[in-house]
Amino acid sequence: MTTAPPGTADVTVIGAGVVGTAIARELSRYRLSVVLLDAANDVGTGTTKANTAILHTGFDAVPGSLESRLLRRGSTLLRGYAERAGIPVERTGALLVAWTAEQERALPGIAEKSIQNGYPAVRAVSRDDLYQREPHLGPGALAALEIPDESIVCPWTTPLAYATEAVRAGVRLMLGTRVTAVRAAGGTDRGGHVLATTRGTLRSRWLVNAAGLDGDRIDAMLGGGGFTIRPRRGELIVFDKLARPLLRSILLPVPTAQTKGVLVAPTVYGNVLLGPTAQDIDDRQDTATTADGLAFLLGAGRRIVPALLDEEVTATYAGLRAATEHRDYQIRVDGGLRYACAAGIRSTGLSASLGIAEYLVDQMGGAGLPLT
């Protein structure tokens, strides 16, 4: 039983990345007709498919931010969900390594930030302990912070699992469907939306914008003005499985205001990742790797784990993160418009996905969506 008139969905979710599929899965718990659509021909083909595959604790988020809150909640939910759904997860822990005196001075502040974010398990690691734990680490490291619950996860299985559960619960999945325009519906469904798409017209009482790199374009169709997406390209290098014994933990850099920096991390499939870069670009389709970007990564890798460069490179790839001019997630719900937006999620969307979905759907319920 649904509340929408015949031919009209209760909710349409635009974007079948890890956030959109998580939202569709959450909505599928209720007596609602839900459509999940994406311009691509599969789920998780945008930002989702090309991240660093880390299940974050949220230790270094901005305290008090929505990202911090939803990352902490989402990480807890995803760890439990992954175990039930058979999604590969490995709790490797992470070491945030200081290479300069300035970075070393920043470590206590990062530890304090972690405590403010509700994660008090970080601890200081001396230089000697650091090299005992990571004997292949390059020379010159001064100290580190240990984040014992940072983990690695499969970034592809996760949205596939969300989408599969959503579809099995009745969600209609429409791939290869790009939204070209949105206008207000009239008649008895006043307050709803009419979507023009490359596969025809859709009517929906509520609209959820989880369109990732196109989030601001969809938002502009609803009035917009709150944020602008500026794609941030991140290039990564994948090393052969023979490189896996070179590290035991995720090796993190001390982050800056612009980027979390270049890391070295194992994957759940036994490879080693090096990256990402962080370059703001204009082209929302440009996922090509560059000679400069790869050279930069190899230089960073030579410092972090020198022996890594002796191993075979099996792949290189690049992803685009949906960065905005704001540091925090851009999540809002407008009951009058029957519109919800989850934008500017950037690199933590995988870890926070279930927290974002739970929060957004709860906000939609408070704004008038009947959640039975």
Protein backbone atom coordinates (compact mmCIF):
# COMPACT_ATOMS: atom_id res chain seq x y z
CA MET A 1 0.00 0.00 0.00
CA THR A 2 1.39 3.42 -0.97
CA THR A 3 0.21 6.99 -0.59
CA ALA A 4 1.01 8.13 -4.13
CA PRO A 5 -1.58 8.34 -6.95
CA PRO A 6 -1.36 5.72 -9.71
CA GLY A 7 1.68 6.31 -11.92
CA THR A 8 3.38 8.44 -9.28
CA ALA A 9 6.17 7.27 -6.97
CA ASP A 10 6.20 8.35 -3.37
CA VAL A 11 9.95 8.99 -3.50
CA THR A 12 12.48 9.13 -6.34
CA VAL A 13 16.16 8.93 -5.42
CA ILE A 14 18.51 10.43 -8.02
CA GLY A 15 21.92 8.79 -7.88
CA ALA A 16 22.78 5.12 -7.32
CA GLY A 17 26.15 5.58 -5.68
CA VAL A 18 26.84 4.33 -2.18
CA VAL A 19 24.80 7.17 -0.61
CA GLY A 20 21.84 6.93 -2.98
CA THR A 21 21.60 3.15 -2.70
CA ALA A 22 21.81 3.39 1.10
CA ILE A 23 18.94 5.91 1.10
CA ALA A 24 16.85 3.72 -1.21
CA ARG A 25 17.49 0.73 1.06
CA GLU A 26 16.43 2.75 4.12
CA LEU A 27 13.25 3.95 2.37
CA SER A 28 12.42 0.38 1.34
CA ARG A 29 11.70 -0.43 4.98
CA TYR A 30 8.50 1.63 4.78
CA ARG A 31 5.21 1.40 2.88
CA LEU A 32 6.39 3.64 0.07
CA SER A 33 6.77 3.27 -3.68
CA VAL A 34 10.40 4.19 -4.38
CA VAL A 35 12.32 4.68 -7.62
CA LEU A 36 16.13 4.67 -7.65
CA LEU A 37 17.63 6.01 -10.86
CA ASP A 38 21.06 6.75 -12.22
CA ALA A 39 22.45 8.03 -15.52
CA ALA A 40 25.01 5.22 -15.61
CA ASN A 41 24.37 1.60 -16.52
CA ASP A 42 25.26 0.17 -13.13
CA VAL A 43 25.23 1.17 -9.47
CA GLY A 44 28.29 2.72 -7.84
CA THR A 45 30.01 3.85 -11.04
CA GLY A 46 30.80 7.44 -10.02
CA THR A 47 32.76 8.61 -6.97
CA THR A 48 31.89 5.36 -5.18
CA LYS A 49 33.96 3.10 -7.43
CA ALA A 50 37.23 5.04 -7.18
CA ASN A 51 37.94 5.75 -3.53
CA THR A 52 40.58 4.51 -1.10
CA ALA A 53 38.33 1.73 0.26
CA ILE A 54 38.87 2.69 3.90
CA LEU A 55 36.21 2.29 6.58
CA HIS A 56 36.90 5.41 8.63
CA THR A 57 36.31 5.94 12.34
CA GLY A 58 35.85 9.68 11.84
CA PHE A 59 38.67 10.49 14.24
CA ASP A 60 39.87 13.48 12.20
CA ALA A 61 36.51 15.00 11.18
CA VAL A 62 35.65 18.54 12.25
CA PRO A 63 34.23 18.21 15.80
CA GLY A 64 30.58 19.14 15.98
CA SER A 65 30.07 18.86 12.24
CA LEU A 66 27.31 16.84 10.62
CA GLU A 67 30.04 14.80 8.92
CA SER A 68 31.52 13.88 12.29
CA ARG A 69 28.15 12.80 13.66
CA LEU A 70 27.07 10.78 10.63
CA LEU A 71 30.51 9.28 10.06
CA ARG A 72 30.64 7.98 13.61
CA ARG A 73 27.12 6.55 13.34
CA GLY A 74 27.58 5.25 9.80
CA SER A 75 30.87 3.53 10.55
CA THR A 76 29.27 1.61 13.42
CA LEU A 77 26.29 0.62 11.29
CA LEU A 78 28.41 -0.45 8.33
CA ARG A 79 30.68 -2.65 10.42
CA GLY A 80 27.68 -4.60 11.65
CA TYR A 81 25.99 -4.64 8.25
CA ALA A 82 29.14 -5.84 6.48
CA GLU A 83 29.39 -8.83 8.80
CA ARG A 84 25.75 -9.79 8.16
CA ALA A 85 25.89 -9.19 4.39
CA GLY A 86 29.27 -10.80 3.75
CA ILE A 87 31.01 -7.60 2.67
CA PRO A 88 34.81 -7.97 3.09
CA VAL A 89 36.19 -5.88 5.96
CA GLU A 90 39.58 -6.13 7.63
CA ARG A 91 40.45 -4.23 10.81
CA THR A 92 44.07 -3.35 10.10
CA GLY A 93 44.29 -0.21 12.21
CA ALA A 94 46.09 2.88 10.98
CA LEU A 95 49.19 4.85 11.85
CA LEU A 96 49.13 8.59 11.22
CA VAL A 97 52.81 9.34 10.63
CA ALA A 98 54.58 12.63 11.32
CA TRP A 99 57.58 13.29 9.06
CA THR A 100 58.43 16.84 10.17
CA ALA A 101 58.68 18.64 13.49
CA GLU A 102 55.63 20.69 12.56
CA GLN A 103 53.61 17.55 11.87
CA GLU A 104 54.80 16.02 15.13
CA ARG A 105 53.58 19.10 17.02
CA ALA A 106 50.18 18.65 15.38
CA LEU A 107 49.67 15.11 16.72
CA PRO A 108 48.35 16.03 20.21
CA GLY A 109 45.79 18.34 18.63
CA ILE A 110 44.63 15.57 16.30
CA ALA A 111 44.34 13.22 19.27
CA GLU A 112 42.25 15.80 21.11
CA LYS A 113 40.05 16.25 18.03
CA SER A 114 39.53 12.49 17.95
CA ILE A 115 38.34 12.53 21.55
CA GLN A 116 35.93 15.37 20.73
CA ASN A 117 34.64 13.24 17.85
CA GLY A 118 33.76 10.45 20.25
CA TYR A 119 36.72 8.26 19.42
CA PRO A 120 39.12 8.19 22.42
CA ALA A 121 41.06 5.07 21.38
CA VAL A 122 43.91 6.93 19.63
CA ARG A 123 47.30 6.67 21.26
CA ALA A 124 50.74 8.13 20.70
CA VAL A 125 53.41 5.93 19.13
CA SER A 126 57.11 6.68 19.56
CA ARG A 127 59.60 6.57 16.73
CA ASP A 128 61.10 3.31 17.95
CA ASP A 129 57.71 1.64 18.33
CA LEU A 130 56.68 2.92 14.92
CA TYR A 131 59.62 1.28 13.15
CA GLN A 132 59.17 -1.90 15.16
CA ARG A 133 55.59 -2.10 13.91
CA GLU A 134 56.37 -0.98 10.35
CA PRO A 135 59.98 -2.00 9.57
CA HIS A 136 59.64 -1.09 5.88
CA LEU A 137 58.70 2.51 6.64
CA GLY A 138 61.01 5.02 5.00
CA PRO A 139 63.68 6.80 7.05
CA GLY A 140 62.94 10.07 8.80
CA ALA A 141 59.60 9.43 10.50
CA LEU A 142 59.46 11.08 13.94
CA ALA A 143 56.33 9.75 15.66
CA ALA A 144 52.79 8.63 14.97
CA LEU A 145 49.27 8.27 16.27
CA GLU A 146 47.66 4.85 16.26
CA ILE A 147 43.99 4.62 15.24
CA PRO A 148 43.29 0.97 16.04
CA ASP A 149 39.80 0.72 14.50
CA GLU A 150 40.49 2.13 11.03
CA SER A 151 39.66 -0.67 8.59
CA ILE A 152 39.67 -1.57 4.94
CA VAL A 153 36.45 -2.52 3.13
CA CYS A 154 35.24 -3.52 -0.32
CA PRO A 155 33.83 -0.33 -1.92
CA TRP A 156 32.04 -2.17 -4.76
CA THR A 157 30.19 -4.87 -2.82
CA THR A 158 28.70 -2.27 -0.46
CA PRO A 159 26.45 -0.30 -2.88
CA LEU A 160 25.65 -3.54 -4.71
CA ALA A 161 24.39 -5.04 -1.44
CA TYR A 162 22.36 -1.91 -0.63
CA ALA A 163 20.78 -1.84 -4.10
CA THR A 164 20.06 -5.58 -4.07
CA GLU A 165 18.22 -5.34 -0.76
CA ALA A 166 16.32 -2.27 -1.93
CA VAL A 167 15.19 -3.94 -5.16
CA ARG A 168 14.20 -7.12 -3.36
CA ALA A 169 12.06 -4.98 -1.05
CA GLY A 170 10.24 -3.41 -3.99
CA VAL A 171 12.34 -0.42 -5.07
CA ARG A 172 12.28 0.15 -8.85
CA LEU A 173 15.82 0.51 -10.19
CA MET A 174 16.17 2.54 -13.39
CA LEU A 175 19.70 2.63 -14.80
CA GLY A 176 20.74 4.55 -17.91
CA THR A 177 18.27 7.24 -16.87
CA ARG A 178 19.54 10.82 -16.76
CA VAL A 179 17.35 13.57 -15.28
CA THR A 180 17.23 16.53 -17.67
CA ALA A 181 14.66 18.75 -15.97
CA VAL A 182 12.41 18.92 -12.91
CA ARG A 183 9.20 20.94 -12.62
CA ALA A 184 6.52 21.22 -9.99
CA ALA A 185 3.54 18.92 -10.41
CA GLY A 186 0.06 20.37 -10.54
CA GLY A 187 -3.43 19.02 -10.00
CA THR A 188 -4.09 16.65 -7.14
CA ASP A 189 -0.40 16.00 -6.62
CA ARG A 190 0.48 19.63 -5.98
CA GLY A 191 3.80 19.83 -4.16
CA GLY A 192 5.24 16.89 -6.04
CA HIS A 193 7.58 16.76 -9.02
CA VAL A 194 7.59 15.87 -12.68
CA LEU A 195 10.98 14.62 -13.87
CA ALA A 196 12.00 14.71 -17.50
CA THR A 197 14.51 11.94 -18.12
CA THR A 198 16.22 10.28 -21.04
CA ARG A 199 13.78 7.39 -20.59
CA GLY A 200 10.58 9.40 -20.40
CA THR A 201 8.65 11.32 -17.77
CA LEU A 202 8.43 10.33 -14.10
CA ARG A 203 6.16 11.74 -11.42
CA SER A 204 7.14 11.67 -7.78
CA ARG A 205 5.76 13.17 -4.61
CA TRP A 206 9.21 13.48 -3.02
CA LEU A 207 12.62 13.88 -4.62
CA VAL A 208 15.97 12.91 -3.07
CA ASN A 209 19.09 14.40 -4.63
CA ALA A 210 22.02 12.00 -4.12
CA ALA A 211 23.48 12.77 -7.55
CA GLY A 212 27.12 13.17 -6.46
CA LEU A 213 29.05 15.16 -9.04
CA ASP A 214 25.77 16.40 -10.54
CA GLY A 215 24.30 17.29 -7.17
CA ASP A 216 24.42 21.05 -7.72
CA ARG A 217 22.82 20.71 -11.15
CA ILE A 218 19.88 18.78 -9.74
CA ASP A 219 19.71 21.24 -6.84
CA ALA A 220 19.54 24.14 -9.31
CA MET A 221 16.43 22.56 -10.86
CA LEU A 222 14.79 22.90 -7.44
CA GLY A 223 15.93 26.49 -6.82
CA GLY A 224 19.56 25.82 -5.83
CA GLY A 225 22.04 28.40 -4.68
CA GLY A 226 23.38 26.63 -1.61
CA PHE A 227 26.51 25.01 -3.00
CA THR A 228 28.57 24.40 -6.13
CA ILE A 229 30.32 21.14 -6.98
CA ARG A 230 33.97 21.51 -7.96
CA PRO A 231 35.27 18.06 -8.88
CA ARG A 232 38.43 17.05 -7.02
CA ARG A 233 40.39 14.41 -8.89
CA GLY A 234 42.21 11.76 -6.92
CA GLU A 235 44.64 9.48 -8.73
CA LEU A 236 45.72 6.18 -7.21
CA ILE A 237 48.20 3.41 -7.95
CA VAL A 238 47.53 -0.27 -7.23
CA PHE A 239 50.53 -2.50 -6.53
CA ASP A 240 50.75 -6.26 -6.93
CA LYS A 241 49.82 -8.59 -4.08
CA LEU A 242 53.51 -9.38 -3.57
CA ALA A 243 53.75 -5.87 -2.03
CA ARG A 244 51.31 -6.71 0.77
CA PRO A 245 53.96 -7.87 3.30
CA LEU A 246 55.53 -4.39 3.19
CA LEU A 247 52.96 -2.95 5.59
CA ARG A 248 50.79 -4.12 8.44
CA SER A 249 48.61 -1.04 8.90
CA ILE A 250 47.09 1.79 6.88
CA LEU A 251 49.78 4.49 6.76
CA LEU A 252 48.18 7.93 6.92
CA PRO A 253 49.75 11.38 6.51
CA VAL A 254 49.04 14.32 8.77
CA PRO A 255 46.07 15.97 7.00
CA THR A 256 45.86 19.56 5.84
CA ALA A 257 42.84 21.85 5.42
CA GLN A 258 42.69 20.92 1.72
CA THR A 259 43.28 17.17 1.72
CA LYS A 260 43.83 14.09 3.82
CA GLY A 261 47.02 13.59 1.80
CA VAL A 262 48.71 10.56 0.28
CA LEU A 263 48.34 7.27 2.11
CA VAL A 264 49.55 3.72 1.66
CA ALA A 265 46.97 1.08 2.46
CA PRO A 266 46.35 -2.62 1.94
CA THR A 267 43.13 -3.72 0.27
CA VAL A 268 40.77 -6.53 1.23
CA TYR A 269 41.92 -8.28 -1.96
CA GLY A 270 45.59 -8.34 -0.95
CA ASN A 271 46.93 -5.48 -3.06
CA VAL A 272 48.43 -2.20 -1.87
CA LEU A 273 47.03 1.24 -2.72
CA LEU A 274 49.06 4.44 -2.99
CA GLY A 275 47.22 7.75 -3.24
CA PRO A 276 45.23 9.82 -3.77
CA THR A 277 46.23 13.11 -5.31
CA ALA A 278 43.89 16.08 -4.83
CA GLN A 279 43.45 18.33 -7.87
CA ASP A 280 40.44 20.59 -8.42
CA ILE A 281 39.33 20.41 -12.05
CA ASP A 282 36.42 21.68 -14.15
CA ASP A 283 35.57 18.61 -16.23
CA ARG A 284 33.13 16.36 -14.35
CA GLN A 285 33.93 13.45 -16.65
CA ASP A 286 37.74 13.60 -16.52
CA THR A 287 38.81 10.47 -14.67
CA ALA A 288 42.07 10.06 -16.60
CA THR A 289 45.33 9.57 -14.77
CA THR A 290 48.15 12.00 -15.54
CA ALA A 291 51.90 11.67 -15.82
CA ASP A 292 52.36 14.44 -13.24
CA GLY A 293 49.91 12.88 -10.82
CA LEU A 294 51.44 9.43 -10.99
CA ALA A 295 54.96 10.85 -10.69
CA PHE A 296 53.86 12.77 -7.59
CA LEU A 297 52.44 9.60 -6.05
CA LEU A 298 55.56 7.58 -6.78
CA GLY A 299 57.64 10.28 -5.13
CA ALA A 300 55.43 10.15 -2.04
CA GLY A 301 55.53 6.36 -2.04
CA ARG A 302 59.34 6.39 -2.23
CA ARG A 303 59.38 8.35 1.02
CA ILE A 304 56.69 6.39 2.86
CA VAL A 305 57.63 2.82 1.89
CA PRO A 306 60.69 2.90 -0.40
CA ALA A 307 60.55 -0.83 -1.22
CA LEU A 308 57.06 -0.34 -2.64
CA LEU A 309 58.56 1.09 -5.82
CA ASP A 310 60.32 -2.21 -6.48
CA GLU A 311 56.95 -3.95 -6.79
CA GLU A 312 54.87 -4.30 -9.92
CA VAL A 313 52.10 -1.79 -10.60
CA THR A 314 48.97 -3.68 -11.61
CA ALA A 315 46.62 -0.72 -12.17
CA THR A 316 46.22 3.03 -11.99
CA TYR A 317 42.93 4.88 -11.77
CA ALA A 318 41.39 8.21 -10.85
CA GLY A 319 38.14 9.21 -9.19
CA LEU A 320 36.34 12.52 -8.81
CA ARG A 321 35.14 13.62 -5.39
CA ALA A 322 32.11 15.93 -5.17
CA ALA A 323 33.82 18.73 -3.27
CA THR A 324 31.99 21.99 -2.57
CA GLU A 325 32.97 25.35 -1.12
CA HIS A 326 31.75 24.08 2.27
CA ARG A 327 33.75 21.82 4.60
CA ASP A 328 30.69 19.98 5.88
CA TYR A 329 28.11 17.75 4.22
CA GLN A 330 25.33 19.64 2.46
CA ILE A 331 22.29 17.75 3.72
CA ARG A 332 18.91 19.43 3.98
CA VAL A 333 15.21 18.59 3.73
CA ASP A 334 12.49 20.99 2.55
CA GLY A 335 9.03 19.73 3.45
CA GLY A 336 7.32 22.44 1.42
CA LEU A 337 9.14 21.41 -1.73
CA ARG A 338 9.14 17.74 -0.75
CA TYR A 339 12.82 17.76 -1.55
CA ALA A 340 15.82 16.24 0.22
CA CYS A 341 19.46 16.81 -0.69
CA ALA A 342 22.58 14.86 0.28
CA ALA A 343 25.52 16.60 -1.39
CA GLY A 344 29.17 17.44 -0.82
CA ILE A 345 29.79 14.03 0.77
CA ARG A 346 33.30 13.70 -0.70
CA SER A 347 35.60 10.88 0.40
CA THR A 348 33.82 9.73 3.56
CA GLY A 349 30.54 8.74 1.88
CA LEU A 350 31.28 5.02 1.95
CA SER A 351 31.91 4.99 5.69
CA ALA A 352 29.03 7.34 6.52
CA SER A 353 26.49 5.97 4.02
CA LEU A 354 24.17 4.16 6.43
CA GLY A 355 24.34 7.05 8.90
CA ILE A 356 23.48 9.53 6.14
CA ALA A 357 20.54 7.38 5.00
CA GLU A 358 19.17 6.97 8.50
CA TYR A 359 19.47 10.69 9.23
CA LEU A 360 18.03 11.90 5.92
CA VAL A 361 15.00 9.59 5.97
CA ASP A 362 14.28 10.57 9.58
CA GLN A 363 14.39 14.24 8.55
CA MET A 364 12.04 13.50 5.66
CA GLY A 365 9.63 11.84 8.08
CA GLY A 366 9.71 14.93 10.27
CA ALA A 367 8.97 17.06 7.19
CA GLY A 368 5.85 15.14 6.23
CA LEU A 369 6.85 11.92 4.45
CA PRO A 370 4.66 9.18 5.97
CA LEU A 371 6.96 6.52 7.38
CA THR A 372 4.79 3.51 8.14
